Amino acid sequence: MKNNIGIDVASPGEVCADRNCPFHGSLPVRGQVIEGVVTSSSMLKTAVIERSFMRNTPKYERKERRFSKYHAHVPDCIHLELGDKVKIAECRKLAKTVSFVVVEKVKA
């Protein structure tokens, strides 16, 4: 059974038994949806996602590149590798630093 999570993303092809999966479990998603790149996946069921953006510095009339890192839960039905582009959605806190869940692996 696949849940409609309320975000326009493709559903994963596999079925999982993870209760913290927004598609097959009971985890609701709300708030921000962020695109980023996987920089680490060495934690158990958790990945580090990095989002880079440009920030304007008006004094020097320049732009600087900045980045933010997010820890996101990876459900069993989504398989990630380093360098994959993903979409993450905000959810309730799952751990001390984890409050996002991976909802889609974006085709590059």
PDB file of N, CA and C in Angstrom:
ATOM      1  N   MET A   1       0.840  -1.187   0.000  1.00  0.00           N
ATOM      2  CA  MET A   1       0.000   0.000   0.000  1.00  0.00           C
ATOM      3  C   MET A   1       0.881   1.245   0.000  1.00  0.00           C
ATOM      4  N   LYS A   2       0.651   2.132  -0.970  1.00  0.00           N
ATOM      5  CA  LYS A   2       1.424   3.364  -1.047  1.00  0.00           C
ATOM      6  C   LYS A   2       0.559   4.525  -0.578  1.00  0.00           C
ATOM      7  N   ASN A   3       1.136   5.344   0.263  1.00  0.00           N
ATOM      8  CA  ASN A   3       0.436   6.525   0.755  1.00  0.00           C
ATOM      9  C   ASN A   3       0.662   7.694  -0.188  1.00  0.00           C
ATOM     10  N   ASN A   4      -0.316   8.584  -0.309  1.00  0.00           N
ATOM     11  CA  ASN A   4      -0.133   9.845  -1.011  1.00  0.00           C
ATOM     12  C   ASN A   4       0.465  10.809  -0.006  1.00  0.00           C
ATOM     13  N   ILE A   5       1.726  11.247  -0.226  1.00  0.00           N
ATOM     14  CA  ILE A   5       2.404  12.062   0.777  1.00  0.00           C
ATOM     15  C   ILE A   5       2.158  13.553   0.586  1.00  0.00           C
ATOM     16  N   GLY A   6       1.439  13.950  -0.481  1.00  0.00           N
ATOM     17  CA  GLY A   6       1.092  15.354  -0.673  1.00  0.00           C
ATOM     18  C   GLY A   6       2.142  16.170  -1.385  1.00  0.00           C
ATOM     19  N   ILE A   7       3.211  15.519  -1.883  1.00  0.00           N
ATOM     20  CA  ILE A   7       4.280  16.194  -2.620  1.00  0.00           C
ATOM     21  C   ILE A   7       4.361  15.537  -3.990  1.00  0.00           C
ATOM     22  N   ASP A   8       4.605  16.330  -5.025  1.00  0.00           N
ATOM     23  CA  ASP A   8       4.676  15.802  -6.383  1.00  0.00           C
ATOM     24  C   ASP A   8       6.043  15.157  -6.621  1.00  0.00           C
ATOM     25  N   VAL A   9       6.203  13.920  -6.162  1.00  0.00           N
ATOM     26  CA  VAL A   9       7.436  13.154  -6.350  1.00  0.00           C
ATOM     27  C   VAL A   9       7.066  11.758  -6.838  1.00  0.00           C
ATOM     28  N   ALA A  10       8.029  11.109  -7.496  1.00  0.00           N
ATOM     29  CA  ALA A  10       7.810   9.746  -7.970  1.00  0.00           C
ATOM     30  C   ALA A  10       7.913   8.771  -6.804  1.00  0.00           C
ATOM     31  N   SER A  11       7.009   7.804  -6.758  1.00  0.00           N
ATOM     32  CA  SER A  11       7.046   6.786  -5.703  1.00  0.00           C
ATOM     33  C   SER A  11       8.155   5.786  -5.987  1.00  0.00           C
ATOM     34  N   PRO A  12       8.799   5.254  -4.945  1.00  0.00           N
ATOM     35  CA  PRO A  12       9.835   4.243  -5.179  1.00  0.00           C
ATOM     36  C   PRO A  12       9.211   2.948  -5.689  1.00  0.00           C
ATOM     37  N   GLY A  13       9.997   2.204  -6.465  1.00  0.00           N
ATOM     38  CA  GLY A  13       9.494   0.967  -7.057  1.00  0.00           C
ATOM     39  C   GLY A  13       9.371  -0.169  -6.064  1.00  0.00           C
ATOM     40  N   GLU A  14      10.182  -0.174  -5.041  1.00  0.00           N
ATOM     41  CA  GLU A  14      10.172  -1.258  -4.063  1.00  0.00           C
ATOM     42  C   GLU A  14       9.184  -0.980  -2.935  1.00  0.00           C
ATOM     43  N   VAL A  15       8.851  -2.033  -2.211  1.00  0.00           N
ATOM     44  CA  VAL A  15       8.021  -1.926  -1.010  1.00  0.00           C
ATOM     45  C   VAL A  15       8.919  -2.208   0.181  1.00  0.00           C
ATOM     46  N   CYS A  16       8.776  -1.411   1.233  1.00  0.00           N
ATOM     47  CA  CYS A  16       9.613  -1.612   2.417  1.00  0.00           C
ATOM     48  C   CYS A  16       8.737  -1.724   3.661  1.00  0.00           C
ATOM     49  N   ALA A  17       9.353  -2.195   4.737  1.00  0.00           N
ATOM     50  CA  ALA A  17       8.649  -2.347   6.008  1.00  0.00           C
ATOM     51  C   ALA A  17       9.106  -1.313   7.022  1.00  0.00           C
ATOM     52  N   ASP A  18       9.752  -0.233   6.545  1.00  0.00           N
ATOM     53  CA  ASP A  18      10.263   0.818   7.428  1.00  0.00           C
ATOM     54  C   ASP A  18       9.087   1.671   7.911  1.00  0.00           C
ATOM     55  N   ARG A  19       8.917   1.770   9.237  1.00  0.00           N
ATOM     56  CA  ARG A  19       7.787   2.564   9.748  1.00  0.00           C
ATOM     57  C   ARG A  19       8.027   4.054   9.596  1.00  0.00           C
ATOM     58  N   ASN A  20       9.275   4.477   9.359  1.00  0.00           N
ATOM     59  CA  ASN A  20       9.586   5.885   9.116  1.00  0.00           C
ATOM     60  C   ASN A  20       9.714   6.200   7.630  1.00  0.00           C
ATOM     61  N   CYS A  21       9.020   5.447   6.796  1.00  0.00           N
ATOM     62  CA  CYS A  21       8.963   5.718   5.357  1.00  0.00           C
ATOM     63  C   CYS A  21       7.685   6.489   5.074  1.00  0.00           C
ATOM     64  N   PRO A  22       7.759   7.625   4.369  1.00  0.00           N
ATOM     65  CA  PRO A  22       6.526   8.380   4.096  1.00  0.00           C
ATOM     66  C   PRO A  22       5.588   7.660   3.124  1.00  0.00           C
ATOM     67  N   PHE A  23       6.106   6.738   2.313  1.00  0.00           N
ATOM     68  CA  PHE A  23       5.282   6.036   1.327  1.00  0.00           C
ATOM     69  C   PHE A  23       4.644   4.768   1.898  1.00  0.00           C
ATOM     70  N   HIS A  24       5.401   3.974   2.657  1.00  0.00           N
ATOM     71  CA  HIS A  24       4.918   2.680   3.125  1.00  0.00           C
ATOM     72  C   HIS A  24       4.719   2.620   4.635  1.00  0.00           C
ATOM     73  N   GLY A  25       5.190   3.619   5.346  1.00  0.00           N
ATOM     74  CA  GLY A  25       5.047   3.646   6.806  1.00  0.00           C
ATOM     75  C   GLY A  25       4.031   4.676   7.229  1.00  0.00           C
ATOM     76  N   SER A  26       4.243   5.245   8.412  1.00  0.00           N
ATOM     77  CA  SER A  26       3.273   6.198   8.964  1.00  0.00           C
ATOM     78  C   SER A  26       3.907   7.555   9.266  1.00  0.00           C
ATOM     79  N   LEU A  27       4.980   7.925   8.532  1.00  0.00           N
ATOM     80  CA  LEU A  27       5.660   9.196   8.790  1.00  0.00           C
ATOM     81  C   LEU A  27       5.053  10.308   7.937  1.00  0.00           C
ATOM     82  N   PRO A  28       4.427  11.320   8.556  1.00  0.00           N
ATOM     83  CA  PRO A  28       3.902  12.433   7.762  1.00  0.00           C
ATOM     84  C   PRO A  28       5.011  13.439   7.435  1.00  0.00           C
ATOM     85  N   VAL A  29       4.924  14.035   6.249  1.00  0.00           N
ATOM     86  CA  VAL A  29       5.884  15.071   5.858  1.00  0.00           C
ATOM     87  C   VAL A  29       5.152  16.392   5.763  1.00  0.00           C
ATOM     88  N   ARG A  30       5.894  17.485   6.065  1.00  0.00           N
ATOM     89  CA  ARG A  30       5.295  18.828   6.030  1.00  0.00           C
ATOM     90  C   ARG A  30       6.440  19.816   5.864  1.00  0.00           C
ATOM     91  N   GLY A  31       6.150  21.032   5.529  1.00  0.00           N
ATOM     92  CA  GLY A  31       7.169  22.075   5.505  1.00  0.00           C
ATOM     93  C   GLY A  31       8.008  22.081   4.250  1.00  0.00           C
ATOM     94  N   GLN A  32       9.318  22.247   4.426  1.00  0.00           N
ATOM     95  CA  GLN A  32      10.237  22.472   3.318  1.00  0.00           C
ATOM     96  C   GLN A  32      10.491  21.205   2.501  1.00  0.00           C
ATOM     97  N   VAL A  33      10.741  21.411   1.199  1.00  0.00           N
ATOM     98  CA  VAL A  33      11.243  20.363   0.314  1.00  0.00           C
ATOM     99  C   VAL A  33      12.519  20.923  -0.301  1.00  0.00           C
ATOM    100  N   ILE A  34      13.647  20.234  -0.107  1.00  0.00           N
ATOM    101  CA  ILE A  34      14.969  20.742  -0.469  1.00  0.00           C
ATOM    102  C   ILE A  34      15.646  19.757  -1.409  1.00  0.00           C
ATOM    103  N   GLU A  35      16.335  20.278  -2.430  1.00  0.00           N
ATOM    104  CA  GLU A  35      17.153  19.446  -3.310  1.00  0.00           C
ATOM    105  C   GLU A  35      18.607  19.593  -2.910  1.00  0.00           C
ATOM    106  N   GLY A  36      19.336  18.487  -2.943  1.00  0.00           N
ATOM    107  CA  GLY A  36      20.744  18.525  -2.581  1.00  0.00           C
ATOM    108  C   GLY A  36      21.473  17.304  -3.103  1.00  0.00           C
ATOM    109  N   VAL A  37      22.743  17.192  -2.704  1.00  0.00           N
ATOM    110  CA  VAL A  37      23.608  16.111  -3.153  1.00  0.00           C
ATOM    111  C   VAL A  37      24.047  15.310  -1.937  1.00  0.00           C
ATOM    112  N   VAL A  38      24.077  13.992  -2.079  1.00  0.00           N
ATOM    113  CA  VAL A  38      24.499  13.116  -0.990  1.00  0.00           C
ATOM    114  C   VAL A  38      26.023  13.224  -0.846  1.00  0.00           C
ATOM    115  N   THR A  39      26.484  13.603   0.360  1.00  0.00           N
ATOM    116  CA  THR A  39      27.920  13.701   0.603  1.00  0.00           C
ATOM    117  C   THR A  39      28.432  12.599   1.510  1.00  0.00           C
ATOM    118  N   SER A  40      27.553  11.952   2.272  1.00  0.00           N
ATOM    119  CA  SER A  40      27.964  10.843   3.129  1.00  0.00           C
ATOM    120  C   SER A  40      26.755   9.966   3.397  1.00  0.00           C
ATOM    121  N   SER A  41      26.981   8.663   3.371  1.00  0.00           N
ATOM    122  CA  SER A  41      25.900   7.730   3.696  1.00  0.00           C
ATOM    123  C   SER A  41      26.423   6.616   4.595  1.00  0.00           C
ATOM    124  N   SER A  42      27.392   6.939   5.433  1.00  0.00           N
ATOM    125  CA  SER A  42      28.022   5.920   6.273  1.00  0.00           C
ATOM    126  C   SER A  42      27.238   5.631   7.548  1.00  0.00           C
ATOM    127  N   MET A  43      26.279   6.486   7.905  1.00  0.00           N
ATOM    128  CA  MET A  43      25.459   6.222   9.082  1.00  0.00           C
ATOM    129  C   MET A  43      24.367   5.224   8.730  1.00  0.00           C
ATOM    130  N   LEU A  44      23.840   4.532   9.718  1.00  0.00           N
ATOM    131  CA  LEU A  44      22.811   3.530   9.498  1.00  0.00           C
ATOM    132  C   LEU A  44      21.480   4.218   9.195  1.00  0.00           C
ATOM    133  N   LYS A  45      20.940   4.013   7.999  1.00  0.00           N
ATOM    134  CA  LYS A  45      19.666   4.572   7.529  1.00  0.00           C
ATOM    135  C   LYS A  45      19.636   6.101   7.551  1.00  0.00           C
ATOM    136  N   THR A  46      20.791   6.751   7.516  1.00  0.00           N
ATOM    137  CA  THR A  46      20.854   8.214   7.532  1.00  0.00           C
ATOM    138  C   THR A  46      21.916   8.675   6.543  1.00  0.00           C
ATOM    139  N   ALA A  47      21.654   9.781   5.847  1.00  0.00           N
ATOM    140  CA  ALA A  47      22.613  10.344   4.899  1.00  0.00           C
ATOM    141  C   ALA A  47      22.788  11.822   5.184  1.00  0.00           C
ATOM    142  N   VAL A  48      23.937  12.368   4.779  1.00  0.00           N
ATOM    143  CA  VAL A  48      24.195  13.795   4.891  1.00  0.00           C
ATOM    144  C   VAL A  48      23.987  14.387   3.504  1.00  0.00           C
ATOM    145  N   ILE A  49      23.099  15.377   3.430  1.00  0.00           N
ATOM    146  CA  ILE A  49      22.752  16.027   2.167  1.00  0.00           C
ATOM    147  C   ILE A  49      23.284  17.444   2.217  1.00  0.00           C
ATOM    148  N   GLU A  50      23.979  17.866   1.146  1.00  0.00           N
ATOM    149  CA  GLU A  50      24.550  19.208   1.085  1.00  0.00           C
ATOM    150  C   GLU A  50      23.831  20.020   0.011  1.00  0.00           C
ATOM    151  N   ARG A  51      23.378  21.211   0.400  1.00  0.00           N
ATOM    152  CA  ARG A  51      22.711  22.132  -0.528  1.00  0.00           C
ATOM    153  C   ARG A  51      23.590  23.366  -0.665  1.00  0.00           C
ATOM    154  N   SER A  52      23.977  23.707  -1.891  1.00  0.00           N
ATOM    155  CA  SER A  52      24.809  24.896  -2.094  1.00  0.00           C
ATOM    156  C   SER A  52      23.955  26.012  -2.702  1.00  0.00           C
ATOM    157  N   PHE A  53      24.292  27.238  -2.342  1.00  0.00           N
ATOM    158  CA  PHE A  53      23.547  28.394  -2.832  1.00  0.00           C
ATOM    159  C   PHE A  53      24.491  29.591  -2.895  1.00  0.00           C
ATOM    160  N   MET A  54      24.084  30.626  -3.608  1.00  0.00           N
ATOM    161  CA  MET A  54      24.875  31.842  -3.743  1.00  0.00           C
ATOM    162  C   MET A  54      24.280  32.918  -2.837  1.00  0.00           C
ATOM    163  N   ARG A  55      25.141  33.642  -2.134  1.00  0.00           N
ATOM    164  CA  ARG A  55      24.712  34.711  -1.238  1.00  0.00           C
ATOM    165  C   ARG A  55      25.309  36.015  -1.737  1.00  0.00           C
ATOM    166  N   ASN A  56      24.495  37.048  -1.813  1.00  0.00           N
ATOM    167  CA  ASN A  56      24.931  38.355  -2.297  1.00  0.00           C
ATOM    168  C   ASN A  56      25.631  39.122  -1.183  1.00  0.00           C
ATOM    169  N   THR A  57      26.796  39.751  -1.498  1.00  0.00           N
ATOM    170  CA  THR A  57      27.507  40.621  -0.569  1.00  0.00           C
ATOM    171  C   THR A  57      27.467  42.028  -1.165  1.00  0.00           C
ATOM    172  N   PRO A  58      26.528  42.870  -0.719  1.00  0.00           N
ATOM    173  CA  PRO A  58      26.327  44.164  -1.372  1.00  0.00           C
ATOM    174  C   PRO A  58      27.519  45.113  -1.234  1.00  0.00           C
ATOM    175  N   LYS A  59      28.246  45.044  -0.141  1.00  0.00           N
ATOM    176  CA  LYS A  59      29.364  45.966   0.070  1.00  0.00           C
ATOM    177  C   LYS A  59      30.421  45.820  -1.016  1.00  0.00           C
ATOM    178  N   TYR A  60      30.722  44.587  -1.377  1.00  0.00           N
ATOM    179  CA  TYR A  60      31.753  44.335  -2.380  1.00  0.00           C
ATOM    180  C   TYR A  60      31.192  44.016  -3.750  1.00  0.00           C
ATOM    181  N   GLU A  61      29.864  44.073  -3.891  1.00  0.00           N
ATOM    182  CA  GLU A  61      29.177  43.797  -5.150  1.00  0.00           C
ATOM    183  C   GLU A  61      29.602  42.459  -5.728  1.00  0.00           C
ATOM    184  N   ARG A  62      29.619  41.455  -4.888  1.00  0.00           N
ATOM    185  CA  ARG A  62      30.018  40.111  -5.293  1.00  0.00           C
ATOM    186  C   ARG A  62      29.007  39.101  -4.752  1.00  0.00           C
ATOM    187  N   LYS A  63      29.144  37.886  -5.226  1.00  0.00           N
ATOM    188  CA  LYS A  63      28.373  36.772  -4.695  1.00  0.00           C
ATOM    189  C   LYS A  63      29.342  35.750  -4.145  1.00  0.00           C
ATOM    190  N   GLU A  64      28.936  35.101  -3.053  1.00  0.00           N
ATOM    191  CA  GLU A  64      29.771  34.065  -2.476  1.00  0.00           C
ATOM    192  C   GLU A  64      28.991  32.761  -2.421  1.00  0.00           C
ATOM    193  N   ARG A  65      29.705  31.672  -2.602  1.00  0.00           N
ATOM    194  CA  ARG A  65      29.085  30.353  -2.565  1.00  0.00           C
ATOM    195  C   ARG A  65      29.057  29.865  -1.119  1.00  0.00           C
ATOM    196  N   ARG A  66      27.885  29.442  -0.679  1.00  0.00           N
ATOM    197  CA  ARG A  66      27.726  28.893   0.663  1.00  0.00           C
ATOM    198  C   ARG A  66      27.029  27.547   0.549  1.00  0.00           C
ATOM    199  N   PHE A  67      27.055  26.788   1.636  1.00  0.00           N
ATOM    200  CA  PHE A  67      26.360  25.510   1.623  1.00  0.00           C
ATOM    201  C   PHE A  67      25.807  25.198   3.000  1.00  0.00           C
ATOM    202  N   SER A  68      24.763  24.388   3.006  1.00  0.00           N
ATOM    203  CA  SER A  68      24.149  23.896   4.237  1.00  0.00           C
ATOM    204  C   SER A  68      24.142  22.387   4.180  1.00  0.00           C
ATOM    205  N   LYS A  69      24.320  21.761   5.338  1.00  0.00           N
ATOM    206  CA  LYS A  69      24.271  20.304   5.419  1.00  0.00           C
ATOM    207  C   LYS A  69      23.063  19.894   6.243  1.00  0.00           C
ATOM    208  N   TYR A  70      22.366  18.880   5.776  1.00  0.00           N
ATOM    209  CA  TYR A  70      21.188  18.351   6.450  1.00  0.00           C
ATOM    210  C   TYR A  70      21.381  16.855   6.652  1.00  0.00           C
ATOM    211  N   HIS A  71      20.959  16.342   7.793  1.00  0.00           N
ATOM    212  CA  HIS A  71      20.924  14.908   8.026  1.00  0.00           C
ATOM    213  C   HIS A  71      19.511  14.447   7.697  1.00  0.00           C
ATOM    214  N   ALA A  72      19.409  13.402   6.881  1.00  0.00           N
ATOM    215  CA  ALA A  72      18.099  12.930   6.451  1.00  0.00           C
ATOM    216  C   ALA A  72      18.007  11.413   6.593  1.00  0.00           C
ATOM    217  N   HIS A  73      16.828  10.951   6.997  1.00  0.00           N
ATOM    218  CA  HIS A  73      16.562   9.517   7.105  1.00  0.00           C
ATOM    219  C   HIS A  73      16.389   8.943   5.700  1.00  0.00           C
ATOM    220  N   VAL A  74      16.966   7.771   5.459  1.00  0.00           N
ATOM    221  CA  VAL A  74      16.845   7.103   4.167  1.00  0.00           C
ATOM    222  C   VAL A  74      15.994   5.846   4.369  1.00  0.00           C
ATOM    223  N   PRO A  75      14.776   5.791   3.795  1.00  0.00           N
ATOM    224  CA  PRO A  75      13.951   4.591   3.914  1.00  0.00           C
ATOM    225  C   PRO A  75      14.598   3.407   3.188  1.00  0.00           C
ATOM    226  N   ASP A  76      14.159   2.198   3.540  1.00  0.00           N
ATOM    227  CA  ASP A  76      14.719   0.992   2.934  1.00  0.00           C
ATOM    228  C   ASP A  76      14.412   0.880   1.443  1.00  0.00           C
ATOM    229  N   CYS A  77      13.358   1.522   0.953  1.00  0.00           N
ATOM    230  CA  CYS A  77      12.964   1.401  -0.457  1.00  0.00           C
ATOM    231  C   CYS A  77      13.736   2.351  -1.371  1.00  0.00           C
ATOM    232  N   ILE A  78      14.589   3.224  -0.823  1.00  0.00           N
ATOM    233  CA  ILE A  78      15.394   4.153  -1.627  1.00  0.00           C
ATOM    234  C   ILE A  78      16.861   3.824  -1.383  1.00  0.00           C
ATOM    235  N   HIS A  79      17.590   3.566  -2.470  1.00  0.00           N
ATOM    236  CA  HIS A  79      19.002   3.206  -2.373  1.00  0.00           C
ATOM    237  C   HIS A  79      19.837   4.374  -2.881  1.00  0.00           C
ATOM    238  N   LEU A  80      20.772   4.857  -2.050  1.00  0.00           N
ATOM    239  CA  LEU A  80      21.574   6.032  -2.389  1.00  0.00           C
ATOM    240  C   LEU A  80      23.053   5.685  -2.457  1.00  0.00           C
ATOM    241  N   GLU A  81      23.769   6.474  -3.263  1.00  0.00           N
ATOM    242  CA  GLU A  81      25.222   6.413  -3.337  1.00  0.00           C
ATOM    243  C   GLU A  81      25.743   7.836  -3.242  1.00  0.00           C
ATOM    244  N   LEU A  82      27.049   7.984  -3.025  1.00  0.00           N
ATOM    245  CA  LEU A  82      27.655   9.315  -2.962  1.00  0.00           C
ATOM    246  C   LEU A  82      27.464  10.037  -4.285  1.00  0.00           C
ATOM    247  N   GLY A  83      27.110  11.314  -4.220  1.00  0.00           N
ATOM    248  CA  GLY A  83      26.950  12.123  -5.419  1.00  0.00           C
ATOM    249  C   GLY A  83      25.564  12.113  -6.017  1.00  0.00           C
ATOM    250  N   ASP A  84      24.635  11.331  -5.495  1.00  0.00           N
ATOM    251  CA  ASP A  84      23.270  11.312  -6.011  1.00  0.00           C
ATOM    252  C   ASP A  84      22.547  12.600  -5.657  1.00  0.00           C
ATOM    253  N   LYS A  85      21.747  13.126  -6.611  1.00  0.00           N
ATOM    254  CA  LYS A  85      20.887  14.271  -6.325  1.00  0.00           C
ATOM    255  C   LYS A  85      19.584  13.736  -5.761  1.00  0.00           C
ATOM    256  N   VAL A  86      19.143  14.312  -4.640  1.00  0.00           N
ATOM    257  CA  VAL A  86      17.938  13.826  -3.975  1.00  0.00           C
ATOM    258  C   VAL A  86      17.051  14.995  -3.566  1.00  0.00           C
ATOM    259  N   LYS A  87      15.785  14.678  -3.302  1.00  0.00           N
ATOM    260  CA  LYS A  87      14.856  15.620  -2.686  1.00  0.00           C
ATOM    261  C   LYS A  87      14.584  15.122  -1.284  1.00  0.00           C
ATOM    262  N   ILE A  88      14.655  16.044  -0.314  1.00  0.00           N
ATOM    263  CA  ILE A  88      14.345  15.699   1.062  1.00  0.00           C
ATOM    264  C   ILE A  88      13.190  16.571   1.527  1.00  0.00           C
ATOM    265  N   ALA A  89      12.362  16.004   2.379  1.00  0.00           N
ATOM    266  CA  ALA A  89      11.191  16.722   2.899  1.00  0.00           C
ATOM    267  C   ALA A  89      11.273  16.766   4.414  1.00  0.00           C
ATOM    268  N   GLU A  90      10.789  17.861   4.977  1.00  0.00           N
ATOM    269  CA  GLU A  90      10.805  18.037   6.419  1.00  0.00           C
ATOM    270  C   GLU A  90       9.761  17.132   7.073  1.00  0.00           C
ATOM    271  N   CYS A  91      10.111  16.601   8.234  1.00  0.00           N
ATOM    272  CA  CYS A  91       9.199  15.748   8.993  1.00  0.00           C
ATOM    273  C   CYS A  91       9.440  16.021  10.476  1.00  0.00           C
ATOM    274  N   ARG A  92       8.808  15.225  11.323  1.00  0.00           N
ATOM    275  CA  ARG A  92       9.061  15.385  12.754  1.00  0.00           C
ATOM    276  C   ARG A  92      10.475  14.904  13.056  1.00  0.00           C
ATOM    277  N   LYS A  93      11.007  15.271  14.211  1.00  0.00           N
ATOM    278  CA  LYS A  93      12.362  14.863  14.570  1.00  0.00           C
ATOM    279  C   LYS A  93      12.420  13.352  14.763  1.00  0.00           C
ATOM    280  N   LEU A  94      13.389  12.735  14.098  1.00  0.00           N
ATOM    281  CA  LEU A  94      13.590  11.297  14.216  1.00  0.00           C
ATOM    282  C   LEU A  94      14.783  10.977  15.104  1.00  0.00           C
ATOM    283  N   ALA A  95      15.683  11.941  15.271  1.00  0.00           N
ATOM    284  CA  ALA A  95      16.853  11.802  16.132  1.00  0.00           C
ATOM    285  C   ALA A  95      17.268  13.217  16.525  1.00  0.00           C
ATOM    286  N   LYS A  96      18.385  13.336  17.212  1.00  0.00           N
ATOM    287  CA  LYS A  96      18.823  14.659  17.670  1.00  0.00           C
ATOM    288  C   LYS A  96      19.039  15.621  16.506  1.00  0.00           C
ATOM    289  N   THR A  97      19.626  15.149  15.406  1.00  0.00           N
ATOM    290  CA  THR A  97      19.928  16.036  14.277  1.00  0.00           C
ATOM    291  C   THR A  97      19.128  15.697  13.031  1.00  0.00           C
ATOM    292  N   VAL A  98      18.294  14.678  13.060  1.00  0.00           N
ATOM    293  CA  VAL A  98      17.571  14.232  11.864  1.00  0.00           C
ATOM    294  C   VAL A  98      16.127  14.705  11.923  1.00  0.00           C
ATOM    295  N   SER A  99      15.769  15.626  11.019  1.00  0.00           N
ATOM    296  CA  SER A  99      14.380  16.069  10.919  1.00  0.00           C
ATOM    297  C   SER A  99      13.947  16.188   9.451  1.00  0.00           C
ATOM    298  N   PHE A 100      14.620  15.442   8.573  1.00  0.00           N
ATOM    299  CA  PHE A 100      14.261  15.378   7.159  1.00  0.00           C
ATOM    300  C   PHE A 100      14.252  13.916   6.749  1.00  0.00           C
ATOM    301  N   VAL A 101      13.524  13.609   5.665  1.00  0.00           N
ATOM    302  CA  VAL A 101      13.488  12.255   5.120  1.00  0.00           C
ATOM    303  C   VAL A 101      13.654  12.359   3.602  1.00  0.00           C
ATOM    304  N   VAL A 102      14.401  11.425   3.020  1.00  0.00           N
ATOM    305  CA  VAL A 102      14.602  11.397   1.571  1.00  0.00           C
ATOM    306  C   VAL A 102      13.312  10.888   0.937  1.00  0.00           C
ATOM    307  N   VAL A 103      12.771  11.667  -0.029  1.00  0.00           N
ATOM    308  CA  VAL A 103      11.532  11.257  -0.686  1.00  0.00           C
ATOM    309  C   VAL A 103      11.718  10.888  -2.151  1.00  0.00           C
ATOM    310  N   GLU A 104      12.827  11.328  -2.763  1.00  0.00           N
ATOM    311  CA  GLU A 104      13.018  11.011  -4.178  1.00  0.00           C
ATOM    312  C   GLU A 104      14.484  11.117  -4.552  1.00  0.00           C
ATOM    313  N   LYS A 105      14.921  10.199  -5.404  1.00  0.00           N
ATOM    314  CA  LYS A 105      16.241  10.252  -6.004  1.00  0.00           C
ATOM    315  C   LYS A 105      16.047  10.888  -7.379  1.00  0.00           C
ATOM    316  N   VAL A 106      16.576  12.109  -7.587  1.00  0.00           N
ATOM    317  CA  VAL A 106      16.340  12.893  -8.791  1.00  0.00           C
ATOM    318  C   VAL A 106      17.264  12.385  -9.911  1.00  0.00           C
ATOM    319  N   LYS A 107      16.720  12.224 -11.084  1.00  0.00           N
ATOM    320  CA  LYS A 107      17.521  11.809 -12.226  1.00  0.00           C
ATOM    321  C   LYS A 107      18.434  12.970 -12.639  1.00  0.00           C
ATOM    322  N   ALA A 108      19.709  12.695 -12.818  1.00  0.00           N
ATOM    323  CA  ALA A 108      20.671  13.740 -13.183  1.00  0.00           C
ATOM    324  C   ALA A 108      20.659  14.008 -14.669  1.00  0.00           C
TER     325      ALA A 108
END
